[in-house]
Amino acid sequence: MKKFFLPLMLMIFLLTGCGRDSDLKETLIIGVDDEFAPFAFHNERNELVGFDIDLAKEAARRMGVKAEFKSIAWDNKESEITSGDVDMIWNGLDILDEYKEYMIFSKPYMDNRQIIMIRKRDAHNILSPGDLAGKVVGTQAGSNAETYINEHPEIKRHFADFKTYRNIKAEFTALENGMVDALIIDEIAGRYEILKRPDVFKSFEVTVGAVTEFGIGFRKSDTALRDKVQAAFGSMTADGTAQKISKQWFHADLIKSRK
């Protein structure tokens, strides 16, 4: 019996070691704003769906772990990630210097810019960004747009008021109900809403602030986890899976090329 012991133990070791790194958690907690369509939101059956949800699930599958999503307030990102309540944030997250103070990032996977949205019925009154003088403008709390406007008082002082909202759903409700006259919003999220409701909203072909890039955010100490997620995502772009998910949601390949 002894001569079979070593091969048997070796076989058990190999089998138990397959499919997942031994130092990787079995479940990764991913922070998302679950009202941020089309990246993460609840469908009519109250299921959490979205572009980033699909990407994260596929990356986790390739890593041999489970993906669990936790709803977070977008303006509370820092405490969520630094406290360890979430392992990463994967949800239309701009790679910004201010976030790099407490996060490390994956490579960028999509470009992003901020656009202006208004009610379609107001299109005859608001013909250009200059017409926002004296108007009430809104955006999401903790967003790139909020930071940009607050850092440019020469723009902000022309608004009648500048309001922030917890999530994108609240933003669109405020715009539709006349609580704000315009929104500054992520282009992809804005255009997704316009596609669903072209009779209600419209946008300006103008970029507010600089074009940014989306990435996946991690705690500064989690370089190993960042690298493993990046490797999984890299395999998804190499075999076309990430591009396929993009086309399912946007009818276009918006994944940044890594060539």
C-alpha atoms as a PDB file:
ATOM      1  CA  MET A   1       0.000   0.000   0.000  1.00  0.00           C
ATOM      2  CA  LYS A   2       2.851   2.380   0.781  1.00  0.00           C
ATOM      3  CA  LYS A   3       4.060   2.513  -2.808  1.00  0.00           C
ATOM      4  CA  PHE A   4       0.686   3.941  -3.898  1.00  0.00           C
ATOM      5  CA  PHE A   5       0.536   6.591  -1.161  1.00  0.00           C
ATOM      6  CA  LEU A   6       2.695   9.265  -2.794  1.00  0.00           C
ATOM      7  CA  PRO A   7       1.097   9.124  -6.254  1.00  0.00           C
ATOM      8  CA  LEU A   8      -2.347   9.161  -4.651  1.00  0.00           C
ATOM      9  CA  MET A   9      -1.523  12.218  -2.528  1.00  0.00           C
ATOM     10  CA  LEU A  10       0.013  13.931  -5.566  1.00  0.00           C
ATOM     11  CA  MET A  11      -3.166  13.318  -7.545  1.00  0.00           C
ATOM     12  CA  ILE A  12      -5.314  14.752  -4.743  1.00  0.00           C
ATOM     13  CA  PHE A  13      -3.067  17.820  -4.557  1.00  0.00           C
ATOM     14  CA  LEU A  14      -3.312  18.425  -8.285  1.00  0.00           C
ATOM     15  CA  LEU A  15      -7.061  18.011  -8.374  1.00  0.00           C
ATOM     16  CA  THR A  16      -7.731  20.287  -5.426  1.00  0.00           C
ATOM     17  CA  GLY A  17      -5.352  22.885  -6.825  1.00  0.00           C
ATOM     18  CA  CYS A  18      -7.100  23.191 -10.176  1.00  0.00           C
ATOM     19  CA  GLY A  19      -9.460  25.984 -11.121  1.00  0.00           C
ATOM     20  CA  ARG A  20      -8.647  28.556  -8.435  1.00  0.00           C
ATOM     21  CA  ASP A  21      -5.593  30.133  -6.815  1.00  0.00           C
ATOM     22  CA  SER A  22      -5.247  28.913  -3.238  1.00  0.00           C
ATOM     23  CA  ASP A  23      -4.716  32.458  -1.913  1.00  0.00           C
ATOM     24  CA  LEU A  24      -7.811  33.847  -3.660  1.00  0.00           C
ATOM     25  CA  LYS A  25     -11.108  34.284  -1.835  1.00  0.00           C
ATOM     26  CA  GLU A  26     -13.911  31.985  -2.982  1.00  0.00           C
ATOM     27  CA  THR A  27     -16.269  34.973  -3.278  1.00  0.00           C
ATOM     28  CA  LEU A  28     -15.265  38.441  -4.453  1.00  0.00           C
ATOM     29  CA  ILE A  29     -17.421  41.326  -3.216  1.00  0.00           C
ATOM     30  CA  ILE A  30     -17.850  43.859  -6.001  1.00  0.00           C
ATOM     31  CA  GLY A  31     -19.152  47.338  -5.203  1.00  0.00           C
ATOM     32  CA  VAL A  32     -21.642  48.828  -7.662  1.00  0.00           C
ATOM     33  CA  ASP A  33     -24.167  51.618  -7.934  1.00  0.00           C
ATOM     34  CA  ASP A  34     -27.118  49.360  -8.721  1.00  0.00           C
ATOM     35  CA  GLU A  35     -29.160  52.187 -10.289  1.00  0.00           C
ATOM     36  CA  PHE A  36     -26.563  53.022 -12.950  1.00  0.00           C
ATOM     37  CA  ALA A  37     -27.983  51.666 -16.202  1.00  0.00           C
ATOM     38  CA  PRO A  38     -26.639  50.225 -18.422  1.00  0.00           C
ATOM     39  CA  PHE A  39     -23.646  49.303 -16.255  1.00  0.00           C
ATOM     40  CA  ALA A  40     -25.556  47.895 -13.267  1.00  0.00           C
ATOM     41  CA  PHE A  41     -29.297  48.078 -12.607  1.00  0.00           C
ATOM     42  CA  HIS A  42     -32.358  45.982 -11.759  1.00  0.00           C
ATOM     43  CA  ASN A  43     -34.537  44.774 -14.609  1.00  0.00           C
ATOM     44  CA  GLU A  44     -38.306  44.324 -14.541  1.00  0.00           C
ATOM     45  CA  ARG A  45     -37.834  41.031 -12.653  1.00  0.00           C
ATOM     46  CA  ASN A  46     -35.658  42.821 -10.053  1.00  0.00           C
ATOM     47  CA  GLU A  47     -32.571  40.948 -11.264  1.00  0.00           C
ATOM     48  CA  LEU A  48     -29.258  42.777 -11.153  1.00  0.00           C
ATOM     49  CA  VAL A  49     -28.070  43.078 -14.743  1.00  0.00           C
ATOM     50  CA  GLY A  50     -25.807  45.310 -16.789  1.00  0.00           C
ATOM     51  CA  PHE A  51     -22.742  45.613 -18.958  1.00  0.00           C
ATOM     52  CA  ASP A  52     -20.245  45.688 -16.086  1.00  0.00           C
ATOM     53  CA  ILE A  53     -22.183  42.960 -14.263  1.00  0.00           C
ATOM     54  CA  ASP A  54     -21.701  40.649 -17.252  1.00  0.00           C
ATOM     55  CA  LEU A  55     -18.007  41.503 -17.532  1.00  0.00           C
ATOM     56  CA  ALA A  56     -17.396  40.930 -13.815  1.00  0.00           C
ATOM     57  CA  LYS A  57     -19.280  37.619 -13.756  1.00  0.00           C
ATOM     58  CA  GLU A  58     -17.270  36.305 -16.685  1.00  0.00           C
ATOM     59  CA  ALA A  59     -13.967  37.406 -15.153  1.00  0.00           C
ATOM     60  CA  ALA A  60     -14.888  35.710 -11.869  1.00  0.00           C
ATOM     61  CA  ARG A  61     -15.862  32.528 -13.702  1.00  0.00           C
ATOM     62  CA  ARG A  62     -12.469  32.415 -15.390  1.00  0.00           C
ATOM     63  CA  MET A  63     -10.802  32.914 -12.023  1.00  0.00           C
ATOM     64  CA  GLY A  64     -12.768  30.050 -10.510  1.00  0.00           C
ATOM     65  CA  VAL A  65     -14.516  32.228  -7.921  1.00  0.00           C
ATOM     66  CA  LYS A  66     -17.988  33.663  -7.317  1.00  0.00           C
ATOM     67  CA  ALA A  67     -18.920  37.293  -7.882  1.00  0.00           C
ATOM     68  CA  GLU A  68     -21.161  38.884  -5.259  1.00  0.00           C
ATOM     69  CA  PHE A  69     -22.391  42.419  -5.886  1.00  0.00           C
ATOM     70  CA  LYS A  70     -22.930  44.990  -3.153  1.00  0.00           C
ATOM     71  CA  SER A  71     -24.855  48.216  -3.654  1.00  0.00           C
ATOM     72  CA  ILE A  72     -22.849  51.263  -2.579  1.00  0.00           C
ATOM     73  CA  ALA A  73     -23.422  55.016  -2.569  1.00  0.00           C
ATOM     74  CA  TRP A  74     -21.156  56.423  -5.243  1.00  0.00           C
ATOM     75  CA  ASP A  75     -19.993  59.271  -3.042  1.00  0.00           C
ATOM     76  CA  ASN A  76     -18.959  56.716  -0.408  1.00  0.00           C
ATOM     77  CA  LYS A  77     -16.467  54.838  -2.608  1.00  0.00           C
ATOM     78  CA  GLU A  78     -13.431  55.593  -0.488  1.00  0.00           C
ATOM     79  CA  SER A  79     -14.736  54.144   2.767  1.00  0.00           C
ATOM     80  CA  GLU A  80     -16.240  51.117   1.017  1.00  0.00           C
ATOM     81  CA  ILE A  81     -12.947  50.108  -0.590  1.00  0.00           C
ATOM     82  CA  THR A  82     -10.542  51.102   2.199  1.00  0.00           C
ATOM     83  CA  SER A  83     -12.624  49.462   4.946  1.00  0.00           C
ATOM     84  CA  GLY A  84     -12.645  46.140   3.126  1.00  0.00           C
ATOM     85  CA  ASP A  85     -16.429  46.104   2.740  1.00  0.00           C
ATOM     86  CA  VAL A  86     -15.871  45.479  -0.975  1.00  0.00           C
ATOM     87  CA  ASP A  87     -12.917  43.884  -2.762  1.00  0.00           C
ATOM     88  CA  MET A  88     -13.203  46.032  -5.860  1.00  0.00           C
ATOM     89  CA  ILE A  89     -15.380  48.601  -7.580  1.00  0.00           C
ATOM     90  CA  TRP A  90     -16.379  47.686 -11.125  1.00  0.00           C
ATOM     91  CA  ASN A  91     -19.082  50.032 -12.301  1.00  0.00           C
ATOM     92  CA  GLY A  92     -18.267  52.770 -14.793  1.00  0.00           C
ATOM     93  CA  LEU A  93     -15.460  53.988 -12.530  1.00  0.00           C
ATOM     94  CA  ASP A  94     -13.349  56.820 -13.952  1.00  0.00           C
ATOM     95  CA  ILE A  95      -9.588  56.500 -13.481  1.00  0.00           C
ATOM     96  CA  LEU A  96      -8.885  59.818 -11.753  1.00  0.00           C
ATOM     97  CA  ASP A  97      -5.910  61.105  -9.788  1.00  0.00           C
ATOM     98  CA  GLU A  98      -8.121  61.834  -6.771  1.00  0.00           C
ATOM     99  CA  TYR A  99      -9.191  58.176  -6.661  1.00  0.00           C
ATOM    100  CA  LYS A 100      -5.584  57.003  -6.982  1.00  0.00           C
ATOM    101  CA  GLU A 101      -4.971  58.391  -3.519  1.00  0.00           C
ATOM    102  CA  TYR A 102      -6.806  55.372  -2.092  1.00  0.00           C
ATOM    103  CA  MET A 103      -7.181  52.913  -5.006  1.00  0.00           C
ATOM    104  CA  ILE A 104      -5.155  51.129  -7.640  1.00  0.00           C
ATOM    105  CA  PHE A 105      -6.643  50.420 -11.028  1.00  0.00           C
ATOM    106  CA  SER A 106      -6.774  47.836 -13.752  1.00  0.00           C
ATOM    107  CA  LYS A 107      -5.835  48.897 -17.237  1.00  0.00           C
ATOM    108  CA  PRO A 108      -8.573  51.103 -18.768  1.00  0.00           C
ATOM    109  CA  TYR A 109     -11.187  49.177 -20.697  1.00  0.00           C
ATOM    110  CA  MET A 110     -13.466  51.936 -22.036  1.00  0.00           C
ATOM    111  CA  ASP A 111     -13.400  55.669 -22.768  1.00  0.00           C
ATOM    112  CA  ASN A 112     -15.853  58.020 -21.073  1.00  0.00           C
ATOM    113  CA  ARG A 113     -16.896  61.645 -21.315  1.00  0.00           C
ATOM    114  CA  GLN A 114     -19.480  63.885 -19.680  1.00  0.00           C
ATOM    115  CA  ILE A 115     -22.314  65.296 -21.786  1.00  0.00           C
ATOM    116  CA  ILE A 116     -25.260  67.624 -21.160  1.00  0.00           C
ATOM    117  CA  MET A 117     -28.819  66.293 -21.234  1.00  0.00           C
ATOM    118  CA  ILE A 118     -32.063  68.258 -21.228  1.00  0.00           C
ATOM    119  CA  ARG A 119     -35.777  67.609 -21.653  1.00  0.00           C
ATOM    120  CA  LYS A 120     -36.672  67.421 -25.309  1.00  0.00           C
ATOM    121  CA  ARG A 121     -39.553  69.846 -24.808  1.00  0.00           C
ATOM    122  CA  ASP A 122     -37.022  72.492 -23.702  1.00  0.00           C
ATOM    123  CA  ALA A 123     -34.899  72.187 -26.842  1.00  0.00           C
ATOM    124  CA  HIS A 124     -36.188  75.530 -28.159  1.00  0.00           C
ATOM    125  CA  ASN A 125     -35.028  77.319 -24.988  1.00  0.00           C
ATOM    126  CA  ILE A 126     -31.694  75.584 -24.415  1.00  0.00           C
ATOM    127  CA  LEU A 127     -29.833  75.561 -27.695  1.00  0.00           C
ATOM    128  CA  SER A 128     -26.250  75.388 -26.421  1.00  0.00           C
ATOM    129  CA  PRO A 129     -24.294  74.979 -23.170  1.00  0.00           C
ATOM    130  CA  GLY A 130     -24.214  78.778 -22.879  1.00  0.00           C
ATOM    131  CA  ASP A 131     -27.977  78.758 -22.413  1.00  0.00           C
ATOM    132  CA  LEU A 132     -27.527  76.999 -19.056  1.00  0.00           C
ATOM    133  CA  ALA A 133     -26.776  80.368 -17.462  1.00  0.00           C
ATOM    134  CA  GLY A 134     -29.497  80.987 -14.900  1.00  0.00           C
ATOM    135  CA  LYS A 135     -30.625  77.356 -15.053  1.00  0.00           C
ATOM    136  CA  VAL A 136     -30.631  74.617 -12.419  1.00  0.00           C
ATOM    137  CA  VAL A 137     -28.098  71.919 -13.321  1.00  0.00           C
ATOM    138  CA  GLY A 138     -27.745  68.488 -11.704  1.00  0.00           C
ATOM    139  CA  THR A 139     -25.364  65.553 -11.593  1.00  0.00           C
ATOM    140  CA  GLN A 140     -24.563  62.475  -9.500  1.00  0.00           C
ATOM    141  CA  ALA A 141     -22.926  62.927  -6.095  1.00  0.00           C
ATOM    142  CA  GLY A 142     -19.339  61.705  -6.190  1.00  0.00           C
ATOM    143  CA  SER A 143     -19.159  61.812  -9.964  1.00  0.00           C
ATOM    144  CA  ASN A 144     -16.465  63.173 -12.249  1.00  0.00           C
ATOM    145  CA  ALA A 145     -18.931  65.885 -13.301  1.00  0.00           C
ATOM    146  CA  GLU A 146     -19.441  67.071  -9.710  1.00  0.00           C
ATOM    147  CA  THR A 147     -15.688  67.349  -9.205  1.00  0.00           C
ATOM    148  CA  TYR A 148     -15.212  69.239 -12.474  1.00  0.00           C
ATOM    149  CA  ILE A 149     -17.935  71.806 -11.801  1.00  0.00           C
ATOM    150  CA  ASN A 150     -16.816  72.392  -8.212  1.00  0.00           C
ATOM    151  CA  GLU A 151     -13.259  72.942  -9.450  1.00  0.00           C
ATOM    152  CA  HIS A 152     -14.443  75.513 -12.006  1.00  0.00           C
ATOM    153  CA  PRO A 153     -16.359  78.216 -10.126  1.00  0.00           C
ATOM    154  CA  GLU A 154     -16.311  80.396 -13.237  1.00  0.00           C
ATOM    155  CA  ILE A 155     -18.802  77.901 -14.728  1.00  0.00           C
ATOM    156  CA  LYS A 156     -20.737  77.094 -11.557  1.00  0.00           C
ATOM    157  CA  ARG A 157     -21.494  80.722 -10.671  1.00  0.00           C
ATOM    158  CA  HIS A 158     -23.552  81.107 -13.855  1.00  0.00           C
ATOM    159  CA  PHE A 159     -25.977  78.366 -12.770  1.00  0.00           C
ATOM    160  CA  ALA A 160     -29.048  79.284 -10.740  1.00  0.00           C
ATOM    161  CA  ASP A 161     -28.253  76.182  -8.668  1.00  0.00           C
ATOM    162  CA  PHE A 162     -26.128  73.042  -8.865  1.00  0.00           C
ATOM    163  CA  LYS A 163     -27.723  69.927  -7.367  1.00  0.00           C
ATOM    164  CA  THR A 164     -26.385  66.429  -6.792  1.00  0.00           C
ATOM    165  CA  TYR A 165     -28.311  63.164  -6.580  1.00  0.00           C
ATOM    166  CA  ARG A 166     -27.521  59.768  -5.085  1.00  0.00           C
ATOM    167  CA  ASN A 167     -27.902  57.842  -8.351  1.00  0.00           C
ATOM    168  CA  ILE A 168     -28.710  58.163 -12.010  1.00  0.00           C
ATOM    169  CA  LYS A 169     -32.333  57.130 -11.548  1.00  0.00           C
ATOM    170  CA  ALA A 170     -32.879  60.053  -9.187  1.00  0.00           C
ATOM    171  CA  GLU A 171     -31.136  62.345 -11.680  1.00  0.00           C
ATOM    172  CA  PHE A 172     -33.461  61.443 -14.543  1.00  0.00           C
ATOM    173  CA  THR A 173     -36.513  61.723 -12.302  1.00  0.00           C
ATOM    174  CA  ALA A 174     -35.405  65.226 -11.310  1.00  0.00           C
ATOM    175  CA  LEU A 175     -34.879  66.223 -14.945  1.00  0.00           C
ATOM    176  CA  GLU A 176     -38.152  64.774 -16.172  1.00  0.00           C
ATOM    177  CA  ASN A 177     -40.123  66.421 -13.350  1.00  0.00           C
ATOM    178  CA  GLY A 178     -38.536  69.822 -13.843  1.00  0.00           C
ATOM    179  CA  MET A 179     -36.504  69.869 -10.614  1.00  0.00           C
ATOM    180  CA  VAL A 180     -33.444  70.582 -12.765  1.00  0.00           C
ATOM    181  CA  ASP A 181     -33.176  72.039 -16.246  1.00  0.00           C
ATOM    182  CA  ALA A 182     -30.183  69.969 -17.350  1.00  0.00           C
ATOM    183  CA  LEU A 183     -27.905  67.139 -16.281  1.00  0.00           C
ATOM    184  CA  ILE A 184     -24.186  66.642 -16.707  1.00  0.00           C
ATOM    185  CA  ILE A 185     -23.836  62.894 -17.041  1.00  0.00           C
ATOM    186  CA  ASP A 186     -21.710  60.011 -18.325  1.00  0.00           C
ATOM    187  CA  GLU A 187     -22.270  59.766 -22.061  1.00  0.00           C
ATOM    188  CA  ILE A 188     -22.950  56.034 -22.196  1.00  0.00           C
ATOM    189  CA  ALA A 189     -25.516  56.166 -19.393  1.00  0.00           C
ATOM    190  CA  GLY A 190     -27.143  59.228 -20.926  1.00  0.00           C
ATOM    191  CA  ARG A 191     -27.373  57.838 -24.416  1.00  0.00           C
ATOM    192  CA  TYR A 192     -28.752  54.563 -23.082  1.00  0.00           C
ATOM    193  CA  GLU A 193     -31.629  56.504 -21.488  1.00  0.00           C
ATOM    194  CA  ILE A 194     -32.196  58.485 -24.673  1.00  0.00           C
ATOM    195  CA  LEU A 195     -32.453  55.254 -26.679  1.00  0.00           C
ATOM    196  CA  LYS A 196     -35.181  54.068 -24.307  1.00  0.00           C
ATOM    197  CA  ARG A 197     -37.018  57.401 -24.171  1.00  0.00           C
ATOM    198  CA  PRO A 198     -36.178  59.493 -27.242  1.00  0.00           C
ATOM    199  CA  ASP A 199     -39.396  61.476 -26.878  1.00  0.00           C
ATOM    200  CA  VAL A 200     -38.402  62.725 -23.411  1.00  0.00           C
ATOM    201  CA  PHE A 201     -34.642  63.462 -23.410  1.00  0.00           C
ATOM    202  CA  LYS A 202     -31.981  64.816 -25.756  1.00  0.00           C
ATOM    203  CA  SER A 203     -28.277  65.617 -25.464  1.00  0.00           C
ATOM    204  CA  PHE A 204     -25.779  68.193 -26.729  1.00  0.00           C
ATOM    205  CA  GLU A 205     -22.788  67.139 -28.810  1.00  0.00           C
ATOM    206  CA  VAL A 206     -20.394  68.732 -26.355  1.00  0.00           C
ATOM    207  CA  THR A 207     -17.880  67.329 -23.877  1.00  0.00           C
ATOM    208  CA  VAL A 208     -17.820  68.755 -20.347  1.00  0.00           C
ATOM    209  CA  GLY A 209     -14.303  68.507 -18.956  1.00  0.00           C
ATOM    210  CA  ALA A 210     -11.728  66.002 -20.163  1.00  0.00           C
ATOM    211  CA  VAL A 211     -12.347  62.611 -21.729  1.00  0.00           C
ATOM    212  CA  THR A 212     -11.607  59.963 -19.127  1.00  0.00           C
ATOM    213  CA  GLU A 213     -11.260  56.181 -19.014  1.00  0.00           C
ATOM    214  CA  PHE A 214     -13.091  53.483 -17.083  1.00  0.00           C
ATOM    215  CA  GLY A 215     -11.150  50.995 -14.968  1.00  0.00           C
ATOM    216  CA  ILE A 216     -11.644  48.527 -12.122  1.00  0.00           C
ATOM    217  CA  GLY A 217     -10.645  49.872  -8.695  1.00  0.00           C
ATOM    218  CA  PHE A 218      -8.938  47.915  -5.886  1.00  0.00           C
ATOM    219  CA  ARG A 219      -7.425  48.614  -2.470  1.00  0.00           C
ATOM    220  CA  LYS A 220      -3.835  49.799  -2.739  1.00  0.00           C
ATOM    221  CA  SER A 221      -2.607  46.674  -0.951  1.00  0.00           C
ATOM    222  CA  ASP A 222      -4.410  44.288  -3.319  1.00  0.00           C
ATOM    223  CA  THR A 223      -1.957  44.302  -6.215  1.00  0.00           C
ATOM    224  CA  ALA A 224      -2.130  40.494  -6.498  1.00  0.00           C
ATOM    225  CA  LEU A 225      -5.921  40.553  -6.823  1.00  0.00           C
ATOM    226  CA  ARG A 226      -5.706  43.398  -9.349  1.00  0.00           C
ATOM    227  CA  ASP A 227      -3.252  41.416 -11.448  1.00  0.00           C
ATOM    228  CA  LYS A 228      -5.402  38.268 -11.378  1.00  0.00           C
ATOM    229  CA  VAL A 229      -8.518  40.167 -12.417  1.00  0.00           C
ATOM    230  CA  GLN A 230      -6.517  41.915 -15.136  1.00  0.00           C
ATOM    231  CA  ALA A 231      -5.269  38.567 -16.432  1.00  0.00           C
ATOM    232  CA  ALA A 232      -8.832  37.231 -16.567  1.00  0.00           C
ATOM    233  CA  PHE A 233     -10.045  40.355 -18.347  1.00  0.00           C
ATOM    234  CA  GLY A 234      -7.110  40.179 -20.735  1.00  0.00           C
ATOM    235  CA  SER A 235      -8.139  36.676 -21.736  1.00  0.00           C
ATOM    236  CA  MET A 236     -11.684  37.984 -22.327  1.00  0.00           C
ATOM    237  CA  THR A 237     -10.445  40.636 -24.743  1.00  0.00           C
ATOM    238  CA  ALA A 238      -8.035  38.212 -26.429  1.00  0.00           C
ATOM    239  CA  ASP A 239     -10.766  35.710 -27.290  1.00  0.00           C
ATOM    240  CA  GLY A 240     -13.406  38.355 -28.106  1.00  0.00           C
ATOM    241  CA  THR A 241     -15.726  37.689 -25.159  1.00  0.00           C
ATOM    242  CA  ALA A 242     -15.507  41.244 -23.792  1.00  0.00           C
ATOM    243  CA  GLN A 243     -16.210  42.667 -27.248  1.00  0.00           C
ATOM    244  CA  LYS A 244     -19.206  40.346 -27.612  1.00  0.00           C
ATOM    245  CA  ILE A 245     -20.648  41.570 -24.299  1.00  0.00           C
ATOM    246  CA  SER A 246     -20.154  45.168 -25.454  1.00  0.00           C
ATOM    247  CA  LYS A 247     -22.037  44.500 -28.687  1.00  0.00           C
ATOM    248  CA  GLN A 248     -24.890  42.875 -26.769  1.00  0.00           C
ATOM    249  CA  TRP A 249     -25.369  46.024 -24.692  1.00  0.00           C
ATOM    250  CA  PHE A 250     -24.375  48.834 -27.064  1.00  0.00           C
ATOM    251  CA  HIS A 251     -24.535  47.282 -30.547  1.00  0.00           C
ATOM    252  CA  ALA A 252     -20.890  48.335 -30.886  1.00  0.00           C
ATOM    253  CA  ASP A 253     -17.444  47.257 -29.697  1.00  0.00           C
ATOM    254  CA  LEU A 254     -16.507  49.925 -27.141  1.00  0.00           C
ATOM    255  CA  ILE A 255     -13.763  47.911 -25.461  1.00  0.00           C
ATOM    256  CA  LYS A 256     -10.426  49.726 -25.605  1.00  0.00           C
ATOM    257  CA  SER A 257      -7.872  47.962 -27.756  1.00  0.00           C
ATOM    258  CA  ARG A 258      -4.758  46.823 -25.902  1.00  0.00           C
ATOM    259  CA  LYS A 259      -2.679  46.455 -29.061  1.00  0.00           C
END
